[in-house]
Amino acid sequence: GQTGKATLHLTLDSRLQRVAQNALE
């Protein structure tokens, strides 16, 4: 478990992304 010393953080929000993806599809 030594691969999580750092994490790339994004500005995206999974909650809003799911709403948008479902509505779009």
mmCIF file of all heavy atoms, coordinates in Angstrom:
data_MODEL
# 
_entry.id   MODEL 
# 
loop_
_atom_site.group_PDB 
_atom_site.id 
_atom_site.type_symbol 
_atom_site.label_atom_id 
_atom_site.label_alt_id 
_atom_site.label_comp_id 
_atom_site.label_asym_id 
_atom_site.label_entity_id 
_atom_site.label_seq_id 
_atom_site.pdbx_PDB_ins_code 
_atom_site.Cartn_x 
_atom_site.Cartn_y 
_atom_site.Cartn_z 
_atom_site.occupancy 
_atom_site.B_iso_or_equiv 
_atom_site.pdbx_formal_charge 
_atom_site.auth_seq_id 
_atom_site.auth_comp_id 
_atom_site.auth_asym_id 
_atom_site.auth_atom_id 
_atom_site.pdbx_PDB_model_num 
ATOM 1   N N   . GLY A 1 1  ? 0.795   -1.221 0.000   1.00 0.00 ? 1  GLY A N   1 
ATOM 2   C CA  . GLY A 1 1  ? 0.000   0.000  0.000   1.00 0.00 ? 1  GLY A CA  1 
ATOM 3   C C   . GLY A 1 1  ? 0.823   1.265  0.000   1.00 0.00 ? 1  GLY A C   1 
ATOM 4   O O   . GLY A 1 1  ? 0.471   2.251  0.652   1.00 0.00 ? 1  GLY A O   1 
ATOM 5   N N   . GLN A 1 2  ? 1.933   1.257  -0.743  1.00 0.00 ? 2  GLN A N   1 
ATOM 6   C CA  . GLN A 1 2  ? 2.830   2.403  -0.752  1.00 0.00 ? 2  GLN A CA  1 
ATOM 7   C C   . GLN A 1 2  ? 2.703   3.249  -2.007  1.00 0.00 ? 2  GLN A C   1 
ATOM 8   O O   . GLN A 1 2  ? 3.622   3.960  -2.376  1.00 0.00 ? 2  GLN A O   1 
ATOM 9   C CB  . GLN A 1 2  ? 4.281   1.909  -0.605  1.00 0.00 ? 2  GLN A CB  1 
ATOM 10  C CG  . GLN A 1 2  ? 4.551   1.205  0.702   1.00 0.00 ? 2  GLN A CG  1 
ATOM 11  C CD  . GLN A 1 2  ? 5.977   0.694  0.795   1.00 0.00 ? 2  GLN A CD  1 
ATOM 12  O OE1 . GLN A 1 2  ? 6.739   0.770  -0.167  1.00 0.00 ? 2  GLN A OE1 1 
ATOM 13  N NE2 . GLN A 1 2  ? 6.359   0.190  1.958   1.00 0.00 ? 2  GLN A NE2 1 
ATOM 14  N N   . THR A 1 3  ? 1.546   3.185  -2.686  1.00 0.00 ? 3  THR A N   1 
ATOM 15  C CA  . THR A 1 3  ? 1.385   3.966  -3.910  1.00 0.00 ? 3  THR A CA  1 
ATOM 16  C C   . THR A 1 3  ? 0.525   5.195  -3.702  1.00 0.00 ? 3  THR A C   1 
ATOM 17  O O   . THR A 1 3  ? 0.302   5.944  -4.638  1.00 0.00 ? 3  THR A O   1 
ATOM 18  C CB  . THR A 1 3  ? 0.742   3.094  -5.015  1.00 0.00 ? 3  THR A CB  1 
ATOM 19  O OG1 . THR A 1 3  ? -0.572  2.701  -4.578  1.00 0.00 ? 3  THR A OG1 1 
ATOM 20  C CG2 . THR A 1 3  ? 1.573   1.875  -5.290  1.00 0.00 ? 3  THR A CG2 1 
ATOM 21  N N   . GLY A 1 4  ? 0.031   5.425  -2.502  1.00 0.00 ? 4  GLY A N   1 
ATOM 22  C CA  . GLY A 1 4  ? -0.876  6.542  -2.281  1.00 0.00 ? 4  GLY A CA  1 
ATOM 23  C C   . GLY A 1 4  ? -0.262  7.691  -1.523  1.00 0.00 ? 4  GLY A C   1 
ATOM 24  O O   . GLY A 1 4  ? -0.942  8.398  -0.767  1.00 0.00 ? 4  GLY A O   1 
ATOM 25  N N   . LYS A 1 5  ? 1.056   7.897  -1.665  1.00 0.00 ? 5  LYS A N   1 
ATOM 26  C CA  . LYS A 1 5  ? 1.718   8.981  -0.957  1.00 0.00 ? 5  LYS A CA  1 
ATOM 27  C C   . LYS A 1 5  ? 1.283   10.346 -1.485  1.00 0.00 ? 5  LYS A C   1 
ATOM 28  O O   . LYS A 1 5  ? 1.456   11.353 -0.821  1.00 0.00 ? 5  LYS A O   1 
ATOM 29  C CB  . LYS A 1 5  ? 3.231   8.823  -1.063  1.00 0.00 ? 5  LYS A CB  1 
ATOM 30  C CG  . LYS A 1 5  ? 3.763   7.571  -0.366  1.00 0.00 ? 5  LYS A CG  1 
ATOM 31  C CD  . LYS A 1 5  ? 5.265   7.459  -0.510  1.00 0.00 ? 5  LYS A CD  1 
ATOM 32  C CE  . LYS A 1 5  ? 5.789   6.213  0.195   1.00 0.00 ? 5  LYS A CE  1 
ATOM 33  N NZ  . LYS A 1 5  ? 7.265   6.068  0.039   1.00 0.00 ? 5  LYS A NZ  1 
ATOM 34  N N   . ALA A 1 6  ? 0.763   10.387 -2.693  1.00 0.00 ? 6  ALA A N   1 
ATOM 35  C CA  . ALA A 1 6  ? 0.259   11.628 -3.282  1.00 0.00 ? 6  ALA A CA  1 
ATOM 36  C C   . ALA A 1 6  ? -0.931  11.298 -4.159  1.00 0.00 ? 6  ALA A C   1 
ATOM 37  O O   . ALA A 1 6  ? -1.117  10.148 -4.580  1.00 0.00 ? 6  ALA A O   1 
ATOM 38  C CB  . ALA A 1 6  ? 1.350   12.334 -4.084  1.00 0.00 ? 6  ALA A CB  1 
ATOM 39  N N   . THR A 1 7  ? -1.748  12.300 -4.431  1.00 0.00 ? 7  THR A N   1 
ATOM 40  C CA  . THR A 1 7  ? -2.973  12.114 -5.208  1.00 0.00 ? 7  THR A CA  1 
ATOM 41  C C   . THR A 1 7  ? -3.179  13.315 -6.127  1.00 0.00 ? 7  THR A C   1 
ATOM 42  O O   . THR A 1 7  ? -2.979  14.459 -5.695  1.00 0.00 ? 7  THR A O   1 
ATOM 43  C CB  . THR A 1 7  ? -4.193  11.973 -4.278  1.00 0.00 ? 7  THR A CB  1 
ATOM 44  O OG1 . THR A 1 7  ? -3.962  10.905 -3.354  1.00 0.00 ? 7  THR A OG1 1 
ATOM 45  C CG2 . THR A 1 7  ? -5.446  11.668 -5.072  1.00 0.00 ? 7  THR A CG2 1 
ATOM 46  N N   . LEU A 1 8  ? -3.565  13.046 -7.363  1.00 0.00 ? 8  LEU A N   1 
ATOM 47  C CA  . LEU A 1 8  ? -3.886  14.127 -8.291  1.00 0.00 ? 8  LEU A CA  1 
ATOM 48  C C   . LEU A 1 8  ? -5.345  14.521 -8.093  1.00 0.00 ? 8  LEU A C   1 
ATOM 49  O O   . LEU A 1 8  ? -6.251  13.716 -8.309  1.00 0.00 ? 8  LEU A O   1 
ATOM 50  C CB  . LEU A 1 8  ? -3.650  13.693 -9.735  1.00 0.00 ? 8  LEU A CB  1 
ATOM 51  C CG  . LEU A 1 8  ? -3.799  14.809 -10.772 1.00 0.00 ? 8  LEU A CG  1 
ATOM 52  C CD1 . LEU A 1 8  ? -2.661  15.823 -10.642 1.00 0.00 ? 8  LEU A CD1 1 
ATOM 53  C CD2 . LEU A 1 8  ? -3.843  14.245 -12.190 1.00 0.00 ? 8  LEU A CD2 1 
ATOM 54  N N   . HIS A 1 9  ? -5.574  15.754 -7.686  1.00 0.00 ? 9  HIS A N   1 
ATOM 55  C CA  . HIS A 1 9  ? -6.914  16.247 -7.413  1.00 0.00 ? 9  HIS A CA  1 
ATOM 56  C C   . HIS A 1 9  ? -7.456  17.008 -8.621  1.00 0.00 ? 9  HIS A C   1 
ATOM 57  O O   . HIS A 1 9  ? -6.736  17.813 -9.226  1.00 0.00 ? 9  HIS A O   1 
ATOM 58  C CB  . HIS A 1 9  ? -6.903  17.168 -6.188  1.00 0.00 ? 9  HIS A CB  1 
ATOM 59  C CG  . HIS A 1 9  ? -6.734  16.440 -4.891  1.00 0.00 ? 9  HIS A CG  1 
ATOM 60  N ND1 . HIS A 1 9  ? -7.731  16.339 -3.942  1.00 0.00 ? 9  HIS A ND1 1 
ATOM 61  C CD2 . HIS A 1 9  ? -5.670  15.759 -4.390  1.00 0.00 ? 9  HIS A CD2 1 
ATOM 62  C CE1 . HIS A 1 9  ? -7.294  15.643 -2.911  1.00 0.00 ? 9  HIS A CE1 1 
ATOM 63  N NE2 . HIS A 1 9  ? -6.038  15.273 -3.159  1.00 0.00 ? 9  HIS A NE2 1 
ATOM 64  N N   . LEU A 1 10 ? -8.730  16.740 -8.941  1.00 0.00 ? 10 LEU A N   1 
ATOM 65  C CA  . LEU A 1 10 ? -9.403  17.428 -10.043 1.00 0.00 ? 10 LEU A CA  1 
ATOM 66  C C   . LEU A 1 10 ? -10.444 18.400 -9.508  1.00 0.00 ? 10 LEU A C   1 
ATOM 67  O O   . LEU A 1 10 ? -10.854 18.330 -8.346  1.00 0.00 ? 10 LEU A O   1 
ATOM 68  C CB  . LEU A 1 10 ? -10.072 16.414 -10.978 1.00 0.00 ? 10 LEU A CB  1 
ATOM 69  C CG  . LEU A 1 10 ? -9.189  15.306 -11.559 1.00 0.00 ? 10 LEU A CG  1 
ATOM 70  C CD1 . LEU A 1 10 ? -9.977  14.488 -12.576 1.00 0.00 ? 10 LEU A CD1 1 
ATOM 71  C CD2 . LEU A 1 10 ? -7.919  15.867 -12.186 1.00 0.00 ? 10 LEU A CD2 1 
ATOM 72  N N   . THR A 1 11 ? -10.881 19.298 -10.378 1.00 0.00 ? 11 THR A N   1 
ATOM 73  C CA  . THR A 1 11 ? -11.928 20.255 -10.023 1.00 0.00 ? 11 THR A CA  1 
ATOM 74  C C   . THR A 1 11 ? -13.322 19.681 -10.246 1.00 0.00 ? 11 THR A C   1 
ATOM 75  O O   . THR A 1 11 ? -14.313 20.286 -9.825  1.00 0.00 ? 11 THR A O   1 
ATOM 76  C CB  . THR A 1 11 ? -11.781 21.532 -10.864 1.00 0.00 ? 11 THR A CB  1 
ATOM 77  O OG1 . THR A 1 11 ? -11.960 21.188 -12.260 1.00 0.00 ? 11 THR A OG1 1 
ATOM 78  C CG2 . THR A 1 11 ? -10.407 22.164 -10.686 1.00 0.00 ? 11 THR A CG2 1 
ATOM 79  N N   . LEU A 1 12 ? -13.417 18.538 -10.910 1.00 0.00 ? 12 LEU A N   1 
ATOM 80  C CA  . LEU A 1 12 ? -14.703 17.949 -11.265 1.00 0.00 ? 12 LEU A CA  1 
ATOM 81  C C   . LEU A 1 12 ? -15.410 17.382 -10.037 1.00 0.00 ? 12 LEU A C   1 
ATOM 82  O O   . LEU A 1 12 ? -14.772 16.948 -9.077  1.00 0.00 ? 12 LEU A O   1 
ATOM 83  C CB  . LEU A 1 12 ? -14.505 16.839 -12.297 1.00 0.00 ? 12 LEU A CB  1 
ATOM 84  C CG  . LEU A 1 12 ? -13.864 17.282 -13.620 1.00 0.00 ? 12 LEU A CG  1 
ATOM 85  C CD1 . LEU A 1 12 ? -13.443 16.080 -14.445 1.00 0.00 ? 12 LEU A CD1 1 
ATOM 86  C CD2 . LEU A 1 12 ? -14.835 18.161 -14.419 1.00 0.00 ? 12 LEU A CD2 1 
ATOM 87  N N   . ASP A 1 13 ? -16.732 17.372 -10.106 1.00 0.00 ? 13 ASP A N   1 
ATOM 88  C CA  . ASP A 1 13 ? -17.580 16.883 -9.009  1.00 0.00 ? 13 ASP A CA  1 
ATOM 89  C C   . ASP A 1 13 ? -18.367 15.673 -9.512  1.00 0.00 ? 13 ASP A C   1 
ATOM 90  O O   . ASP A 1 13 ? -19.188 15.802 -10.420 1.00 0.00 ? 13 ASP A O   1 
ATOM 91  C CB  . ASP A 1 13 ? -18.528 17.990 -8.557  1.00 0.00 ? 13 ASP A CB  1 
ATOM 92  C CG  . ASP A 1 13 ? -19.282 17.632 -7.283  1.00 0.00 ? 13 ASP A CG  1 
ATOM 93  O OD1 . ASP A 1 13 ? -19.710 16.472 -7.154  1.00 0.00 ? 13 ASP A OD1 1 
ATOM 94  O OD2 . ASP A 1 13 ? -19.467 18.522 -6.431  1.00 0.00 ? 13 ASP A OD2 1 
ATOM 95  N N   . SER A 1 14 ? -18.100 14.498 -8.910  1.00 0.00 ? 14 SER A N   1 
ATOM 96  C CA  . SER A 1 14 ? -18.757 13.269 -9.371  1.00 0.00 ? 14 SER A CA  1 
ATOM 97  C C   . SER A 1 14 ? -20.274 13.361 -9.277  1.00 0.00 ? 14 SER A C   1 
ATOM 98  O O   . SER A 1 14 ? -20.989 12.814 -10.136 1.00 0.00 ? 14 SER A O   1 
ATOM 99  C CB  . SER A 1 14 ? -18.268 12.068 -8.554  1.00 0.00 ? 14 SER A CB  1 
ATOM 100 O OG  . SER A 1 14 ? -16.903 11.830 -8.751  1.00 0.00 ? 14 SER A OG  1 
ATOM 101 N N   . ARG A 1 15 ? -20.775 14.034 -8.268  1.00 0.00 ? 15 ARG A N   1 
ATOM 102 C CA  . ARG A 1 15 ? -22.225 14.137 -8.092  1.00 0.00 ? 15 ARG A CA  1 
ATOM 103 C C   . ARG A 1 15 ? -22.859 14.906 -9.248  1.00 0.00 ? 15 ARG A C   1 
ATOM 104 O O   . ARG A 1 15 ? -23.857 14.449 -9.846  1.00 0.00 ? 15 ARG A O   1 
ATOM 105 C CB  . ARG A 1 15 ? -22.540 14.817 -6.761  1.00 0.00 ? 15 ARG A CB  1 
ATOM 106 C CG  . ARG A 1 15 ? -21.958 14.114 -5.536  1.00 0.00 ? 15 ARG A CG  1 
ATOM 107 C CD  . ARG A 1 15 ? -22.026 14.990 -4.313  1.00 0.00 ? 15 ARG A CD  1 
ATOM 108 N NE  . ARG A 1 15 ? -21.270 16.238 -4.486  1.00 0.00 ? 15 ARG A NE  1 
ATOM 109 C CZ  . ARG A 1 15 ? -21.230 17.222 -3.588  1.00 0.00 ? 15 ARG A CZ  1 
ATOM 110 N NH1 . ARG A 1 15 ? -21.906 17.105 -2.442  1.00 0.00 ? 15 ARG A NH1 1 
ATOM 111 N NH2 . ARG A 1 15 ? -20.525 18.319 -3.820  1.00 0.00 ? 15 ARG A NH2 1 
ATOM 112 N N   . LEU A 1 16 ? -22.292 16.040 -9.574  1.00 0.00 ? 16 LEU A N   1 
ATOM 113 C CA  . LEU A 1 16 ? -22.830 16.840 -10.678 1.00 0.00 ? 16 LEU A CA  1 
ATOM 114 C C   . LEU A 1 16 ? -22.572 16.171 -12.019 1.00 0.00 ? 16 LEU A C   1 
ATOM 115 O O   . LEU A 1 16 ? -23.416 16.232 -12.934 1.00 0.00 ? 16 LEU A O   1 
ATOM 116 C CB  . LEU A 1 16 ? -22.207 18.233 -10.643 1.00 0.00 ? 16 LEU A CB  1 
ATOM 117 C CG  . LEU A 1 16 ? -22.855 19.283 -11.547 1.00 0.00 ? 16 LEU A CG  1 
ATOM 118 C CD1 . LEU A 1 16 ? -24.288 19.549 -11.112 1.00 0.00 ? 16 LEU A CD1 1 
ATOM 119 C CD2 . LEU A 1 16 ? -22.046 20.573 -11.535 1.00 0.00 ? 16 LEU A CD2 1 
ATOM 120 N N   . GLN A 1 17 ? -21.419 15.534 -12.129 1.00 0.00 ? 17 GLN A N   1 
ATOM 121 C CA  . GLN A 1 17 ? -21.079 14.828 -13.365 1.00 0.00 ? 17 GLN A CA  1 
ATOM 122 C C   . GLN A 1 17 ? -22.097 13.729 -13.659 1.00 0.00 ? 17 GLN A C   1 
ATOM 123 O O   . GLN A 1 17 ? -22.519 13.551 -14.815 1.00 0.00 ? 17 GLN A O   1 
ATOM 124 C CB  . GLN A 1 17 ? -19.683 14.220 -13.260 1.00 0.00 ? 17 GLN A CB  1 
ATOM 125 C CG  . GLN A 1 17 ? -19.228 13.430 -14.478 1.00 0.00 ? 17 GLN A CG  1 
ATOM 126 C CD  . GLN A 1 17 ? -18.674 14.296 -15.580 1.00 0.00 ? 17 GLN A CD  1 
ATOM 127 O OE1 . GLN A 1 17 ? -18.570 15.506 -15.432 1.00 0.00 ? 17 GLN A OE1 1 
ATOM 128 N NE2 . GLN A 1 17 ? -18.311 13.689 -16.690 1.00 0.00 ? 17 GLN A NE2 1 
ATOM 129 N N   . ARG A 1 18 ? -22.521 13.013 -12.627 1.00 0.00 ? 18 ARG A N   1 
ATOM 130 C CA  . ARG A 1 18 ? -23.483 11.933 -12.847 1.00 0.00 ? 18 ARG A CA  1 
ATOM 131 C C   . ARG A 1 18 ? -24.837 12.478 -13.277 1.00 0.00 ? 18 ARG A C   1 
ATOM 132 O O   . ARG A 1 18 ? -25.503 11.907 -14.148 1.00 0.00 ? 18 ARG A O   1 
ATOM 133 C CB  . ARG A 1 18 ? -23.620 11.085 -11.584 1.00 0.00 ? 18 ARG A CB  1 
ATOM 134 C CG  . ARG A 1 18 ? -24.353 9.768  -11.803 1.00 0.00 ? 18 ARG A CG  1 
ATOM 135 C CD  . ARG A 1 18 ? -24.230 8.860  -10.598 1.00 0.00 ? 18 ARG A CD  1 
ATOM 136 N NE  . ARG A 1 18 ? -22.845 8.521  -10.300 1.00 0.00 ? 18 ARG A NE  1 
ATOM 137 C CZ  . ARG A 1 18 ? -22.162 7.593  -10.954 1.00 0.00 ? 18 ARG A CZ  1 
ATOM 138 N NH1 . ARG A 1 18 ? -22.729 6.920  -11.950 1.00 0.00 ? 18 ARG A NH1 1 
ATOM 139 N NH2 . ARG A 1 18 ? -20.901 7.326  -10.602 1.00 0.00 ? 18 ARG A NH2 1 
ATOM 140 N N   . VAL A 1 19 ? -25.258 13.579 -12.668 1.00 0.00 ? 19 VAL A N   1 
ATOM 141 C CA  . VAL A 1 19 ? -26.519 14.208 -13.079 1.00 0.00 ? 19 VAL A CA  1 
ATOM 142 C C   . VAL A 1 19 ? -26.445 14.616 -14.551 1.00 0.00 ? 19 VAL A C   1 
ATOM 143 O O   . VAL A 1 19 ? -27.371 14.361 -15.339 1.00 0.00 ? 19 VAL A O   1 
ATOM 144 C CB  . VAL A 1 19 ? -26.827 15.430 -12.190 1.00 0.00 ? 19 VAL A CB  1 
ATOM 145 C CG1 . VAL A 1 19 ? -28.015 16.213 -12.744 1.00 0.00 ? 19 VAL A CG1 1 
ATOM 146 C CG2 . VAL A 1 19 ? -27.104 14.998 -10.759 1.00 0.00 ? 19 VAL A CG2 1 
ATOM 147 N N   . ALA A 1 20 ? -25.328 15.256 -14.923 1.00 0.00 ? 20 ALA A N   1 
ATOM 148 C CA  . ALA A 1 20 ? -25.172 15.718 -16.299 1.00 0.00 ? 20 ALA A CA  1 
ATOM 149 C C   . ALA A 1 20 ? -25.108 14.553 -17.283 1.00 0.00 ? 20 ALA A C   1 
ATOM 150 O O   . ALA A 1 20 ? -25.734 14.586 -18.355 1.00 0.00 ? 20 ALA A O   1 
ATOM 151 C CB  . ALA A 1 20 ? -23.917 16.579 -16.409 1.00 0.00 ? 20 ALA A CB  1 
ATOM 152 N N   . GLN A 1 21 ? -24.352 13.506 -16.928 1.00 0.00 ? 21 GLN A N   1 
ATOM 153 C CA  . GLN A 1 21 ? -24.197 12.364 -17.835 1.00 0.00 ? 21 GLN A CA  1 
ATOM 154 C C   . GLN A 1 21 ? -25.523 11.644 -18.051 1.00 0.00 ? 21 GLN A C   1 
ATOM 155 O O   . GLN A 1 21 ? -25.877 11.294 -19.191 1.00 0.00 ? 21 GLN A O   1 
ATOM 156 C CB  . GLN A 1 21 ? -23.155 11.396 -17.285 1.00 0.00 ? 21 GLN A CB  1 
ATOM 157 C CG  . GLN A 1 21 ? -22.742 10.291 -18.246 1.00 0.00 ? 21 GLN A CG  1 
ATOM 158 C CD  . GLN A 1 21 ? -21.926 10.804 -19.413 1.00 0.00 ? 21 GLN A CD  1 
ATOM 159 O OE1 . GLN A 1 21 ? -21.082 11.673 -19.245 1.00 0.00 ? 21 GLN A OE1 1 
ATOM 160 N NE2 . GLN A 1 21 ? -22.170 10.280 -20.595 1.00 0.00 ? 21 GLN A NE2 1 
ATOM 161 N N   . ASN A 1 22 ? -26.259 11.422 -16.985 1.00 0.00 ? 22 ASN A N   1 
ATOM 162 C CA  . ASN A 1 22 ? -27.544 10.732 -17.109 1.00 0.00 ? 22 ASN A CA  1 
ATOM 163 C C   . ASN A 1 22 ? -28.536 11.540 -17.942 1.00 0.00 ? 22 ASN A C   1 
ATOM 164 O O   . ASN A 1 22 ? -29.251 10.996 -18.802 1.00 0.00 ? 22 ASN A O   1 
ATOM 165 C CB  . ASN A 1 22 ? -28.128 10.441 -15.728 1.00 0.00 ? 22 ASN A CB  1 
ATOM 166 C CG  . ASN A 1 22 ? -27.336 9.382  -14.977 1.00 0.00 ? 22 ASN A CG  1 
ATOM 167 O OD1 . ASN A 1 22 ? -26.583 8.626  -15.572 1.00 0.00 ? 22 ASN A OD1 1 
ATOM 168 N ND2 . ASN A 1 22 ? -27.505 9.334  -13.664 1.00 0.00 ? 22 ASN A ND2 1 
ATOM 169 N N   . ALA A 1 23 ? -28.598 12.851 -17.676 1.00 0.00 ? 23 ALA A N   1 
ATOM 170 C CA  . ALA A 1 23 ? -29.526 13.695 -18.432 1.00 0.00 ? 23 ALA A CA  1 
ATOM 171 C C   . ALA A 1 23 ? -29.145 13.731 -19.910 1.00 0.00 ? 23 ALA A C   1 
ATOM 172 O O   . ALA A 1 23 ? -30.012 13.675 -20.797 1.00 0.00 ? 23 ALA A O   1 
ATOM 173 C CB  . ALA A 1 23 ? -29.535 15.107 -17.842 1.00 0.00 ? 23 ALA A CB  1 
ATOM 174 N N   . LEU A 1 24 ? -27.840 13.829 -20.178 1.00 0.00 ? 24 LEU A N   1 
ATOM 175 C CA  . LEU A 1 24 ? -27.369 13.887 -21.560 1.00 0.00 ? 24 LEU A CA  1 
ATOM 176 C C   . LEU A 1 24 ? -27.685 12.596 -22.303 1.00 0.00 ? 24 LEU A C   1 
ATOM 177 O O   . LEU A 1 24 ? -28.207 12.626 -23.443 1.00 0.00 ? 24 LEU A O   1 
ATOM 178 C CB  . LEU A 1 24 ? -25.865 14.151 -21.581 1.00 0.00 ? 24 LEU A CB  1 
ATOM 179 C CG  . LEU A 1 24 ? -25.188 14.175 -22.954 1.00 0.00 ? 24 LEU A CG  1 
ATOM 180 C CD1 . LEU A 1 24 ? -25.751 15.284 -23.814 1.00 0.00 ? 24 LEU A CD1 1 
ATOM 181 C CD2 . LEU A 1 24 ? -23.675 14.330 -22.797 1.00 0.00 ? 24 LEU A CD2 1 
ATOM 182 N N   . GLU A 1 25 ? -27.398 11.463 -21.691 1.00 0.00 ? 25 GLU A N   1 
ATOM 183 C CA  . GLU A 1 25 ? -27.645 10.189 -22.372 1.00 0.00 ? 25 GLU A CA  1 
ATOM 184 C C   . GLU A 1 25 ? -29.136 9.960  -22.601 1.00 0.00 ? 25 GLU A C   1 
ATOM 185 O O   . GLU A 1 25 ? -29.518 9.398  -23.633 1.00 0.00 ? 25 GLU A O   1 
ATOM 186 C CB  . GLU A 1 25 ? -27.033 9.048  -21.564 1.00 0.00 ? 25 GLU A CB  1 
ATOM 187 C CG  . GLU A 1 25 ? -25.509 9.067  -21.565 1.00 0.00 ? 25 GLU A CG  1 
ATOM 188 C CD  . GLU A 1 25 ? -24.895 7.938  -20.770 1.00 0.00 ? 25 GLU A CD  1 
ATOM 189 O OE1 . GLU A 1 25 ? -25.660 7.160  -20.147 1.00 0.00 ? 25 GLU A OE1 1 
ATOM 190 O OE2 . GLU A 1 25 ? -23.650 7.805  -20.768 1.00 0.00 ? 25 GLU A OE2 1 
# 
